[in-house]
Structure formats: structure tokens, C-alpha cells
């Protein structure tokens, strides 16, 4: 009897602990507990310790953190009928825990399906060139369209980022050829600009050198002319001084001295092989005066 009573008490205790465990819920700071009482939503609870009425209340936890999900490669057709594969990631957070539970069974799966269909819809209205060059615009369009759908679920789409766009093989080959041609064009333009700048620099250097050479020649000619002028002035001054000296000395020379000078000249003429001699008339006059004075 005591053993059976003990077993009964133990069983009741275990049931009580089980009921207590289901009645006590710990809700984290980033979570909310949506409570249903007899099937009716009575609101959100948490964070912290939340007590539920056993067998009457049922709680569903909802994560309020911003989450990220990946959408794998999806094949889409552009406006100009080019098939491309695109994958992207999208960021979202629950802003209304009750609506995320009441309005949709699994909002993540629903949002992922909506994201793929929205992607095809957006890409279908854009040409291939714009898809490859306007990622930011496509990201914005996807975010707006997804947010319009998920808003009624109490979910906010915060960002959408396209990670990779894979165009058809022939388009990739054409893009590679275009990129190669563009690089060749840039190289040719850069080379031509370099040659033009080099030619301009060479011409400018030659111009400056010619200017400097002309200026140097000018200065040299001026200095040379100045030197010649100074030299001529010095020669003229020397010649004038010599003439003045000769004139001063000539004033002191008498007839005898001049006659003796003529005699000396006659002596030098006598040694000459010439047979004809010309005497100035002044010589005879000097000779007569010399003879008279010697007598």
C-alpha cells in the first residue's frame, strides 16, 4: 500500500513538473512569444519569464532579428529574350510578431517563393544591357516589390543584393571581345597622347634652346662689337698720341737734321739694285742750305 501510494505521488509530481514546464517559458531579448488562448490570439509576451495557463495557452516564438536568406540561381528571360541566371540575397526582419504568425503559415518559405517570381517579373521588363549595368536599380526594384508583399505579413524587407549574373555563353564572348577592343582603344589613345605630349615637349625644348642660343649670340655680338669699338678707340687714341708726339718732336728738328736724315736715306737707296732714283725738290733746297751753312 505504501509503495503504491509512493508511486502515485511520484507520478503526480512528474505530471505536475511537466505541466509546470509547459507553463513557464523563457523569452530572449530578441524574441517575442505570440500567445494563443483557446485558439484565440491574446497578444505578444516577452522578453523574460512568461507564464502560460497549462492546456489553455499555447505560445509561438518569433525571432525579431534581421535575418538574411539566399535565393539560389534562377533562370530569367530579359526583355530582349536573353536567358540569364541570377542569384541574390535578401535581408528582412519581423516588425509585427503577431501578423507574421497569423497572416502566413511560413513567411520565410512564402517570401522566398515571392522573391523568385518577383525576380523573373523585374528581369523580364529590362533589356540585357541594363541588367548587366544597373544592379543598384534592380536591387531597389526587388526590395520595393518584395516589401509591398511582405508588409501585410508584418515583415520588413531591408535590403536586396544581387550577387552574380551569368549571361549566355555567346553574350560572354561578345562582352570579352568588346572589353578587349575597349582596352586596345584606350591603349592606342594613351600612346597617341603620350607621343603628342612628347612631341610638344621636344618642340618646346627646341624652341627654348633656339631662344637661348639666339640670346647668347646676341649677347656675344654685342660684347664683340663693344670690344671692337673699345679696341678701335684705343688704337685711334694711340695713333693720335703718336701723331701728337711726332708733331711735337718735328717742331724741334732743324734743317741740318732733316738733311742728315735725307743723306741716310740716300745711303740706303745706294745699296738698292735700282738704277733710277727720284729726289724731291725739297731735298735740293735743304742741300743748298746745308752747303751754305757749312761754308
C-alpha atoms as a PDB file:
ATOM      1  CA  UNK A   1       0.000   0.000   0.000  1.00  0.00           C
ATOM      2  CA  UNK A   2       2.746   2.423   0.905  1.00  0.00           C
ATOM      3  CA  UNK A   3       4.598   1.514  -2.280  1.00  0.00           C
ATOM      4  CA  UNK A   4       1.553   2.166  -4.433  1.00  0.00           C
ATOM      5  CA  UNK A   5       0.988   5.480  -2.677  1.00  0.00           C
ATOM      6  CA  UNK A   6       4.558   6.460  -3.251  1.00  0.00           C
ATOM      7  CA  UNK A   7       4.271   5.606  -6.933  1.00  0.00           C
ATOM      8  CA  UNK A   8       1.103   7.651  -7.191  1.00  0.00           C
ATOM      9  CA  UNK A   9       2.693  10.624  -5.511  1.00  0.00           C
ATOM     10  CA  UNK A  10       5.702  10.317  -7.798  1.00  0.00           C
ATOM     11  CA  UNK A  11       3.515  10.139 -10.886  1.00  0.00           C
ATOM     12  CA  UNK A  12       1.528  13.164  -9.766  1.00  0.00           C
ATOM     13  CA  UNK A  13       4.761  15.010  -9.121  1.00  0.00           C
ATOM     14  CA  UNK A  14       6.113  14.210 -12.580  1.00  0.00           C
ATOM     15  CA  UNK A  15       2.866  15.308 -14.180  1.00  0.00           C
ATOM     16  CA  UNK A  16       2.977  18.478 -12.136  1.00  0.00           C
ATOM     17  CA  UNK A  17       6.544  19.166 -13.225  1.00  0.00           C
ATOM     18  CA  UNK A  18       5.610  18.535 -16.839  1.00  0.00           C
ATOM     19  CA  UNK A  19       2.649  20.890 -16.559  1.00  0.00           C
ATOM     20  CA  UNK A  20       4.833  23.493 -14.850  1.00  0.00           C
ATOM     21  CA  UNK A  21       7.467  23.146 -17.574  1.00  0.00           C
ATOM     22  CA  UNK A  22       4.881  23.843 -20.254  1.00  0.00           C
ATOM     23  CA  UNK A  23       3.535  26.780 -18.287  1.00  0.00           C
ATOM     24  CA  UNK A  24       6.891  28.522 -17.866  1.00  0.00           C
ATOM     25  CA  UNK A  25       8.594  29.957 -20.983  1.00  0.00           C
ATOM     26  CA  UNK A  26      11.831  31.936 -21.197  1.00  0.00           C
ATOM     27  CA  UNK A  27      11.757  34.534 -23.980  1.00  0.00           C
ATOM     28  CA  UNK A  28      15.061  36.068 -25.174  1.00  0.00           C
ATOM     29  CA  UNK A  29      15.523  39.793 -25.706  1.00  0.00           C
ATOM     30  CA  UNK A  30      15.431  39.401 -29.494  1.00  0.00           C
ATOM     31  CA  UNK A  31      12.310  37.174 -29.390  1.00  0.00           C
ATOM     32  CA  UNK A  32       8.594  37.598 -28.814  1.00  0.00           C
ATOM     33  CA  UNK A  33       6.085  34.928 -27.771  1.00  0.00           C
ATOM     34  CA  UNK A  34       2.738  35.060 -29.579  1.00  0.00           C
ATOM     35  CA  UNK A  35       0.198  33.558 -27.149  1.00  0.00           C
ATOM     36  CA  UNK A  36      -2.954  31.763 -28.249  1.00  0.00           C
ATOM     37  CA  UNK A  37      -5.626  31.081 -25.595  1.00  0.00           C
ATOM     38  CA  UNK A  38      -8.141  28.503 -26.648  1.00  0.00           C
ATOM     39  CA  UNK A  39      -7.197  29.226 -30.222  1.00  0.00           C
ATOM     40  CA  UNK A  40      -7.560  32.997 -29.959  1.00  0.00           C
ATOM     41  CA  UNK A  41      -4.515  35.269 -30.182  1.00  0.00           C
ATOM     42  CA  UNK A  42      -4.204  37.265 -26.995  1.00  0.00           C
ATOM     43  CA  UNK A  43      -1.078  39.200 -27.950  1.00  0.00           C
ATOM     44  CA  UNK A  44       2.675  39.063 -27.564  1.00  0.00           C
ATOM     45  CA  UNK A  45       4.669  38.300 -24.461  1.00  0.00           C
ATOM     46  CA  UNK A  46       8.281  38.823 -23.511  1.00  0.00           C
ATOM     47  CA  UNK A  47      11.108  39.210 -23.220  1.00  0.00           C
ATOM     48  CA  UNK A  48      11.898  37.466 -19.966  1.00  0.00           C
ATOM     49  CA  UNK A  49       9.836  34.976 -17.960  1.00  0.00           C
ATOM     50  CA  UNK A  50       6.369  34.258 -19.372  1.00  0.00           C
ATOM     51  CA  UNK A  51       3.748  32.142 -17.573  1.00  0.00           C
ATOM     52  CA  UNK A  52       1.152  30.298 -19.609  1.00  0.00           C
ATOM     53  CA  UNK A  53      -2.029  28.577 -18.492  1.00  0.00           C
ATOM     54  CA  UNK A  54      -1.470  24.848 -18.978  1.00  0.00           C
ATOM     55  CA  UNK A  55      -3.621  23.185 -21.632  1.00  0.00           C
ATOM     56  CA  UNK A  56      -5.232  26.560 -22.408  1.00  0.00           C
ATOM     57  CA  UNK A  57      -2.432  28.782 -23.644  1.00  0.00           C
ATOM     58  CA  UNK A  58      -0.092  27.935 -26.488  1.00  0.00           C
ATOM     59  CA  UNK A  59       2.883  30.072 -27.424  1.00  0.00           C
ATOM     60  CA  UNK A  60       4.853  30.511 -30.663  1.00  0.00           C
ATOM     61  CA  UNK A  61       8.252  32.207 -30.615  1.00  0.00           C
ATOM     62  CA  UNK A  62       9.149  34.713 -33.297  1.00  0.00           C
ATOM     63  CA  UNK A  63      12.709  35.972 -33.953  1.00  0.00           C
ATOM     64  CA  UNK A  64      12.839  39.758 -34.317  1.00  0.00           C
ATOM     65  CA  UNK A  65      16.449  39.963 -35.505  1.00  0.00           C
ATOM     66  CA  UNK A  66      17.365  40.976 -39.030  1.00  0.00           C
ATOM     67  CA  UNK A  67      17.914  37.794 -40.988  1.00  0.00           C
ATOM     68  CA  UNK A  68      19.437  37.023 -44.357  1.00  0.00           C
ATOM     69  CA  UNK A  69      18.402  34.360 -46.802  1.00  0.00           C
ATOM     70  CA  UNK A  70      19.914  33.270 -50.099  1.00  0.00           C
ATOM     71  CA  UNK A  71      17.953  32.812 -53.310  1.00  0.00           C
ATOM     72  CA  UNK A  72      19.865  30.319 -55.491  1.00  0.00           C
ATOM     73  CA  UNK A  73      20.433  30.837 -59.205  1.00  0.00           C
ATOM     74  CA  UNK A  74      17.197  31.498 -61.034  1.00  0.00           C
ATOM     75  CA  UNK A  75      16.949  31.487 -64.812  1.00  0.00           C
ATOM     76  CA  UNK A  76      15.144  34.583 -66.065  1.00  0.00           C
ATOM     77  CA  UNK A  77      14.351  35.955 -69.516  1.00  0.00           C
ATOM     78  CA  UNK A  78      15.183  39.592 -70.203  1.00  0.00           C
ATOM     79  CA  UNK A  79      13.088  41.994 -72.252  1.00  0.00           C
ATOM     80  CA  UNK A  80      15.168  41.179 -75.361  1.00  0.00           C
ATOM     81  CA  UNK A  81      14.714  37.399 -74.820  1.00  0.00           C
ATOM     82  CA  UNK A  82      18.165  36.664 -73.409  1.00  0.00           C
ATOM     83  CA  UNK A  83      18.243  33.894 -70.741  1.00  0.00           C
ATOM     84  CA  UNK A  84      20.386  34.760 -67.733  1.00  0.00           C
ATOM     85  CA  UNK A  85      20.979  33.119 -64.352  1.00  0.00           C
ATOM     86  CA  UNK A  86      20.797  35.373 -61.277  1.00  0.00           C
ATOM     87  CA  UNK A  87      21.190  34.697 -57.597  1.00  0.00           C
ATOM     88  CA  UNK A  88      20.752  37.194 -54.791  1.00  0.00           C
ATOM     89  CA  UNK A  89      20.406  37.537 -51.041  1.00  0.00           C
ATOM     90  CA  UNK A  90      17.723  39.436 -49.191  1.00  0.00           C
ATOM     91  CA  UNK A  91      17.616  40.846 -45.675  1.00  0.00           C
ATOM     92  CA  UNK A  92      14.428  41.053 -43.647  1.00  0.00           C
ATOM     93  CA  UNK A  93      13.160  41.427 -40.094  1.00  0.00           C
ATOM     94  CA  UNK A  94       9.852  40.851 -38.361  1.00  0.00           C
ATOM     95  CA  UNK A  95       8.255  44.088 -37.226  1.00  0.00           C
ATOM     96  CA  UNK A  96       4.924  42.588 -36.120  1.00  0.00           C
ATOM     97  CA  UNK A  97       5.255  39.164 -34.499  1.00  0.00           C
ATOM     98  CA  UNK A  98       1.505  38.552 -34.355  1.00  0.00           C
ATOM     99  CA  UNK A  99       0.937  39.270 -38.052  1.00  0.00           C
ATOM    100  CA  UNK A 100       3.890  37.087 -39.064  1.00  0.00           C
ATOM    101  CA  UNK A 101       2.117  34.174 -37.364  1.00  0.00           C
ATOM    102  CA  UNK A 102      -1.492  34.989 -38.200  1.00  0.00           C
ATOM    103  CA  UNK A 103      -1.194  36.098 -41.847  1.00  0.00           C
ATOM    104  CA  UNK A 104       1.059  33.385 -43.275  1.00  0.00           C
ATOM    105  CA  UNK A 105       1.886  29.813 -42.361  1.00  0.00           C
ATOM    106  CA  UNK A 106       5.642  30.066 -43.087  1.00  0.00           C
ATOM    107  CA  UNK A 107       6.582  33.553 -44.082  1.00  0.00           C
ATOM    108  CA  UNK A 108      10.197  32.622 -44.950  1.00  0.00           C
ATOM    109  CA  UNK A 109       9.137  29.988 -47.489  1.00  0.00           C
ATOM    110  CA  UNK A 110       6.420  32.292 -48.789  1.00  0.00           C
ATOM    111  CA  UNK A 111       8.844  35.201 -49.080  1.00  0.00           C
ATOM    112  CA  UNK A 112      11.388  33.037 -50.901  1.00  0.00           C
ATOM    113  CA  UNK A 113       8.788  31.939 -53.432  1.00  0.00           C
ATOM    114  CA  UNK A 114       7.655  35.525 -53.845  1.00  0.00           C
ATOM    115  CA  UNK A 115      11.279  36.631 -54.319  1.00  0.00           C
ATOM    116  CA  UNK A 116      11.844  34.226 -57.213  1.00  0.00           C
ATOM    117  CA  UNK A 117       8.662  35.242 -59.015  1.00  0.00           C
ATOM    118  CA  UNK A 118       9.371  38.932 -58.389  1.00  0.00           C
ATOM    119  CA  UNK A 119      12.885  38.492 -59.777  1.00  0.00           C
ATOM    120  CA  UNK A 120      11.568  36.992 -63.003  1.00  0.00           C
ATOM    121  CA  UNK A 121       8.998  39.762 -63.276  1.00  0.00           C
ATOM    122  CA  UNK A 122      11.574  42.523 -62.798  1.00  0.00           C
ATOM    123  CA  UNK A 123      14.169  40.992 -65.139  1.00  0.00           C
ATOM    124  CA  UNK A 124      11.510  40.374 -67.793  1.00  0.00           C
ATOM    125  CA  UNK A 125      10.953  44.118 -68.128  1.00  0.00           C
ATOM    126  CA  UNK A 126      14.635  45.119 -68.513  1.00  0.00           C
ATOM    127  CA  UNK A 127      16.969  44.644 -71.523  1.00  0.00           C
ATOM    128  CA  UNK A 128      20.093  42.551 -71.062  1.00  0.00           C
ATOM    129  CA  UNK A 129      22.484  45.519 -71.195  1.00  0.00           C
ATOM    130  CA  UNK A 130      20.566  47.261 -68.410  1.00  0.00           C
ATOM    131  CA  UNK A 131      20.526  44.076 -66.318  1.00  0.00           C
ATOM    132  CA  UNK A 132      24.329  43.904 -66.530  1.00  0.00           C
ATOM    133  CA  UNK A 133      24.917  47.602 -65.845  1.00  0.00           C
ATOM    134  CA  UNK A 134      22.121  48.633 -63.455  1.00  0.00           C
ATOM    135  CA  UNK A 135      22.413  46.317 -60.487  1.00  0.00           C
ATOM    136  CA  UNK A 136      21.570  49.008 -57.976  1.00  0.00           C
ATOM    137  CA  UNK A 137      18.361  49.858 -59.823  1.00  0.00           C
ATOM    138  CA  UNK A 138      17.339  46.185 -59.953  1.00  0.00           C
ATOM    139  CA  UNK A 139      18.157  45.757 -56.249  1.00  0.00           C
ATOM    140  CA  UNK A 140      15.923  48.717 -55.431  1.00  0.00           C
ATOM    141  CA  UNK A 141      13.071  47.404 -57.577  1.00  0.00           C
ATOM    142  CA  UNK A 142      13.268  43.951 -55.984  1.00  0.00           C
ATOM    143  CA  UNK A 143      13.314  45.409 -52.472  1.00  0.00           C
ATOM    144  CA  UNK A 144      10.297  47.619 -53.127  1.00  0.00           C
ATOM    145  CA  UNK A 145       8.240  44.832 -54.717  1.00  0.00           C
ATOM    146  CA  UNK A 146       9.108  42.294 -52.009  1.00  0.00           C
ATOM    147  CA  UNK A 147       8.391  44.802 -49.279  1.00  0.00           C
ATOM    148  CA  UNK A 148       4.964  45.524 -50.756  1.00  0.00           C
ATOM    149  CA  UNK A 149       4.070  41.841 -50.432  1.00  0.00           C
ATOM    150  CA  UNK A 150       5.671  41.076 -47.065  1.00  0.00           C
ATOM    151  CA  UNK A 151       4.355  44.215 -45.391  1.00  0.00           C
ATOM    152  CA  UNK A 152       0.970  42.587 -44.790  1.00  0.00           C
ATOM    153  CA  UNK A 153       2.784  39.702 -43.080  1.00  0.00           C
ATOM    154  CA  UNK A 154       4.424  42.024 -40.584  1.00  0.00           C
ATOM    155  CA  UNK A 155       7.819  41.544 -42.251  1.00  0.00           C
ATOM    156  CA  UNK A 156      10.065  44.360 -43.482  1.00  0.00           C
ATOM    157  CA  UNK A 157      12.499  43.714 -46.361  1.00  0.00           C
ATOM    158  CA  UNK A 158      15.508  45.898 -45.541  1.00  0.00           C
ATOM    159  CA  UNK A 159      17.843  45.162 -48.436  1.00  0.00           C
ATOM    160  CA  UNK A 160      18.310  43.069 -51.566  1.00  0.00           C
ATOM    161  CA  UNK A 161      21.702  42.426 -53.161  1.00  0.00           C
ATOM    162  CA  UNK A 162      22.329  40.638 -56.454  1.00  0.00           C
ATOM    163  CA  UNK A 163      25.474  38.544 -56.093  1.00  0.00           C
ATOM    164  CA  UNK A 164      26.059  37.097 -59.536  1.00  0.00           C
ATOM    165  CA  UNK A 165      24.636  37.469 -63.023  1.00  0.00           C
ATOM    166  CA  UNK A 166      25.588  34.804 -65.557  1.00  0.00           C
ATOM    167  CA  UNK A 167      24.703  35.775 -69.133  1.00  0.00           C
ATOM    168  CA  UNK A 168      24.644  33.273 -72.049  1.00  0.00           C
ATOM    169  CA  UNK A 169      27.962  31.999 -73.404  1.00  0.00           C
ATOM    170  CA  UNK A 170      27.707  33.942 -76.657  1.00  0.00           C
ATOM    171  CA  UNK A 171      26.979  37.114 -74.722  1.00  0.00           C
ATOM    172  CA  UNK A 172      30.010  36.492 -72.519  1.00  0.00           C
ATOM    173  CA  UNK A 173      32.179  36.008 -75.615  1.00  0.00           C
ATOM    174  CA  UNK A 174      30.834  39.228 -77.125  1.00  0.00           C
ATOM    175  CA  UNK A 175      31.477  41.066 -73.848  1.00  0.00           C
ATOM    176  CA  UNK A 176      35.043  39.748 -73.750  1.00  0.00           C
ATOM    177  CA  UNK A 177      35.646  40.901 -77.323  1.00  0.00           C
ATOM    178  CA  UNK A 178      34.139  44.283 -76.548  1.00  0.00           C
ATOM    179  CA  UNK A 179      36.265  44.610 -73.419  1.00  0.00           C
ATOM    180  CA  UNK A 180      39.403  43.669 -75.369  1.00  0.00           C
ATOM    181  CA  UNK A 181      38.580  46.197 -78.085  1.00  0.00           C
ATOM    182  CA  UNK A 182      37.961  48.894 -75.477  1.00  0.00           C
ATOM    183  CA  UNK A 183      41.277  48.179 -73.792  1.00  0.00           C
ATOM    184  CA  UNK A 184      43.079  48.292 -77.144  1.00  0.00           C
ATOM    185  CA  UNK A 185      41.373  51.600 -77.924  1.00  0.00           C
ATOM    186  CA  UNK A 186      42.402  53.048 -74.558  1.00  0.00           C
ATOM    187  CA  UNK A 187      45.961  51.841 -75.090  1.00  0.00           C
ATOM    188  CA  UNK A 188      46.111  53.447 -78.547  1.00  0.00           C
ATOM    189  CA  UNK A 189      44.629  56.697 -77.227  1.00  0.00           C
ATOM    190  CA  UNK A 190      47.058  56.711 -74.312  1.00  0.00           C
ATOM    191  CA  UNK A 191      50.005  56.005 -76.618  1.00  0.00           C
ATOM    192  CA  UNK A 192      48.970  58.746 -79.058  1.00  0.00           C
ATOM    193  CA  UNK A 193      48.548  61.211 -76.211  1.00  0.00           C
ATOM    194  CA  UNK A 194      51.985  60.254 -74.923  1.00  0.00           C
ATOM    195  CA  UNK A 195      53.523  60.761 -78.365  1.00  0.00           C
ATOM    196  CA  UNK A 196      51.765  64.108 -78.753  1.00  0.00           C
ATOM    197  CA  UNK A 197      52.946  65.284 -75.362  1.00  0.00           C
ATOM    198  CA  UNK A 198      56.469  64.078 -76.147  1.00  0.00           C
ATOM    199  CA  UNK A 199      56.450  65.934 -79.483  1.00  0.00           C
ATOM    200  CA  UNK A 200      55.162  69.068 -77.763  1.00  0.00           C
ATOM    201  CA  UNK A 201      57.852  68.787 -75.105  1.00  0.00           C
ATOM    202  CA  UNK A 202      60.571  68.256 -77.730  1.00  0.00           C
ATOM    203  CA  UNK A 203      59.331  71.210 -79.789  1.00  0.00           C
ATOM    204  CA  UNK A 204      59.127  73.373 -76.691  1.00  0.00           C
ATOM    205  CA  UNK A 205      62.646  72.314 -75.705  1.00  0.00           C
ATOM    206  CA  UNK A 206      63.976  73.116 -79.184  1.00  0.00           C
ATOM    207  CA  UNK A 207      62.180  76.468 -79.088  1.00  0.00           C
ATOM    208  CA  UNK A 208      63.678  77.326 -75.717  1.00  0.00           C
ATOM    209  CA  UNK A 209      67.114  76.191 -76.908  1.00  0.00           C
ATOM    210  CA  UNK A 210      66.821  78.337 -80.058  1.00  0.00           C
ATOM    211  CA  UNK A 211      65.741  81.324 -77.978  1.00  0.00           C
ATOM    212  CA  UNK A 212      68.627  80.826 -75.581  1.00  0.00           C
ATOM    213  CA  UNK A 213      71.080  80.356 -78.463  1.00  0.00           C
ATOM    214  CA  UNK A 214      69.814  83.475 -80.223  1.00  0.00           C
ATOM    215  CA  UNK A 215      70.044  85.433 -76.994  1.00  0.00           C
ATOM    216  CA  UNK A 216      73.554  84.078 -76.433  1.00  0.00           C
ATOM    217  CA  UNK A 217      74.596  85.021 -79.994  1.00  0.00           C
ATOM    218  CA  UNK A 218      73.105  88.461 -79.478  1.00  0.00           C
ATOM    219  CA  UNK A 219      74.991  88.999 -76.259  1.00  0.00           C
ATOM    220  CA  UNK A 220      78.172  87.651 -77.853  1.00  0.00           C
ATOM    221  CA  UNK A 221      77.817  90.002 -80.866  1.00  0.00           C
ATOM    222  CA  UNK A 222      77.152  92.926 -78.533  1.00  0.00           C
ATOM    223  CA  UNK A 223      80.210  92.068 -76.460  1.00  0.00           C
ATOM    224  CA  UNK A 224      82.293  91.520 -79.622  1.00  0.00           C
ATOM    225  CA  UNK A 225      81.154  94.843 -81.097  1.00  0.00           C
ATOM    226  CA  UNK A 226      81.821  96.562 -77.803  1.00  0.00           C
ATOM    227  CA  UNK A 227      85.307  95.022 -77.739  1.00  0.00           C
ATOM    228  CA  UNK A 228      85.972  96.093 -81.336  1.00  0.00           C
ATOM    229  CA  UNK A 229      84.789  99.603 -80.530  1.00  0.00           C
ATOM    230  CA  UNK A 230      86.990  99.780 -77.477  1.00  0.00           C
ATOM    231  CA  UNK A 231      89.923  98.400 -79.467  1.00  0.00           C
ATOM    232  CA  UNK A 232      89.394 100.906 -82.286  1.00  0.00           C
ATOM    233  CA  UNK A 233      89.092 103.720 -79.782  1.00  0.00           C
ATOM    234  CA  UNK A 234      92.302 102.620 -78.116  1.00  0.00           C
ATOM    235  CA  UNK A 235      94.079 102.332 -81.484  1.00  0.00           C
ATOM    236  CA  UNK A 236      92.781 105.737 -82.533  1.00  0.00           C
ATOM    237  CA  UNK A 237      93.834 107.258 -79.248  1.00  0.00           C
ATOM    238  CA  UNK A 238      97.278 105.624 -79.586  1.00  0.00           C
ATOM    239  CA  UNK A 239      97.610 106.848 -83.169  1.00  0.00           C
ATOM    240  CA  UNK A 240      96.534 110.352 -82.183  1.00  0.00           C
ATOM    241  CA  UNK A 241      99.011 110.346 -79.317  1.00  0.00           C
ATOM    242  CA  UNK A 242     101.753 109.150 -81.672  1.00  0.00           C
ATOM    243  CA  UNK A 243     100.920 111.910 -84.164  1.00  0.00           C
ATOM    244  CA  UNK A 244     100.976 114.466 -81.392  1.00  0.00           C
ATOM    245  CA  UNK A 245     104.331 113.142 -80.274  1.00  0.00           C
ATOM    246  CA  UNK A 246     105.711 113.208 -83.809  1.00  0.00           C
ATOM    247  CA  UNK A 247     104.410 116.698 -84.285  1.00  0.00           C
ATOM    248  CA  UNK A 248     105.953 117.871 -81.057  1.00  0.00           C
ATOM    249  CA  UNK A 249     109.308 116.336 -81.978  1.00  0.00           C
ATOM    250  CA  UNK A 250     109.089 117.668 -85.539  1.00  0.00           C
ATOM    251  CA  UNK A 251     108.826 121.211 -84.171  1.00  0.00           C
ATOM    252  CA  UNK A 252     112.301 120.844 -82.684  1.00  0.00           C
ATOM    253  CA  UNK A 253     114.018 119.399 -85.792  1.00  0.00           C
ATOM    254  CA  UNK A 254     116.214 121.898 -87.795  1.00  0.00           C
ATOM    255  CA  UNK A 255     117.303 121.799 -91.434  1.00  0.00           C
ATOM    256  CA  UNK A 256     120.560 120.053 -90.678  1.00  0.00           C
ATOM    257  CA  UNK A 257     118.849 117.200 -89.001  1.00  0.00           C
ATOM    258  CA  UNK A 258     116.467 116.799 -91.915  1.00  0.00           C
ATOM    259  CA  UNK A 259     119.392 116.947 -94.357  1.00  0.00           C
ATOM    260  CA  UNK A 260     121.278 114.294 -92.440  1.00  0.00           C
ATOM    261  CA  UNK A 261     118.128 112.180 -92.476  1.00  0.00           C
ATOM    262  CA  UNK A 262     117.940 112.578 -96.246  1.00  0.00           C
ATOM    263  CA  UNK A 263     121.616 111.595 -96.526  1.00  0.00           C
ATOM    264  CA  UNK A 264     120.893 108.496 -94.504  1.00  0.00           C
ATOM    265  CA  UNK A 265     118.001 107.706 -96.830  1.00  0.00           C
ATOM    266  CA  UNK A 266     120.317 108.231 -99.880  1.00  0.00           C
ATOM    267  CA  UNK A 267     122.761 105.828 -98.333  1.00  0.00           C
ATOM    268  CA  UNK A 268     120.103 103.138 -98.037  1.00  0.00           C
ATOM    269  CA  UNK A 269     118.985 103.866-101.594  1.00  0.00           C
ATOM    270  CA  UNK A 270     122.520 103.391-102.800  1.00  0.00           C
ATOM    271  CA  UNK A 271     122.557  99.856-101.593  1.00  0.00           C
ATOM    272  CA  UNK A 272     119.446  99.154-103.641  1.00  0.00           C
ATOM    273  CA  UNK A 273     119.842  97.450-107.078  1.00  0.00           C
ATOM    274  CA  UNK A 274     117.553 100.062-108.650  1.00  0.00           C
ATOM    275  CA  UNK A 275     119.055 102.317-111.434  1.00  0.00           C
ATOM    276  CA  UNK A 276     116.608 105.189-111.190  1.00  0.00           C
ATOM    277  CA  UNK A 277     116.146 107.469-108.201  1.00  0.00           C
ATOM    278  CA  UNK A 278     113.627 110.250-107.697  1.00  0.00           C
ATOM    279  CA  UNK A 279     114.539 113.134-105.387  1.00  0.00           C
ATOM    280  CA  UNK A 280     112.003 115.566-104.083  1.00  0.00           C
ATOM    281  CA  UNK A 281     112.540 119.274-104.781  1.00  0.00           C
ATOM    282  CA  UNK A 282     112.730 119.990-101.075  1.00  0.00           C
ATOM    283  CA  UNK A 283     115.928 117.923-100.970  1.00  0.00           C
ATOM    284  CA  UNK A 284     117.804 120.353-103.222  1.00  0.00           C
ATOM    285  CA  UNK A 285     116.714 123.270-101.097  1.00  0.00           C
ATOM    286  CA  UNK A 286     117.853 121.520 -97.952  1.00  0.00           C
ATOM    287  CA  UNK A 287     121.129 120.640 -99.638  1.00  0.00           C
ATOM    288  CA  UNK A 288     121.807 124.258-100.655  1.00  0.00           C
ATOM    289  CA  UNK A 289     121.120 125.438 -97.140  1.00  0.00           C
ATOM    290  CA  UNK A 290     123.356 122.716 -95.736  1.00  0.00           C
ATOM    291  CA  UNK A 291     126.241 123.675 -98.106  1.00  0.00           C
ATOM    292  CA  UNK A 292     125.867 127.350 -97.341  1.00  0.00           C
ATOM    293  CA  UNK A 293     125.971 126.775 -93.651  1.00  0.00           C
ATOM    294  CA  UNK A 294     128.981 124.512 -93.855  1.00  0.00           C
ATOM    295  CA  UNK A 295     130.940 127.110 -95.842  1.00  0.00           C
END
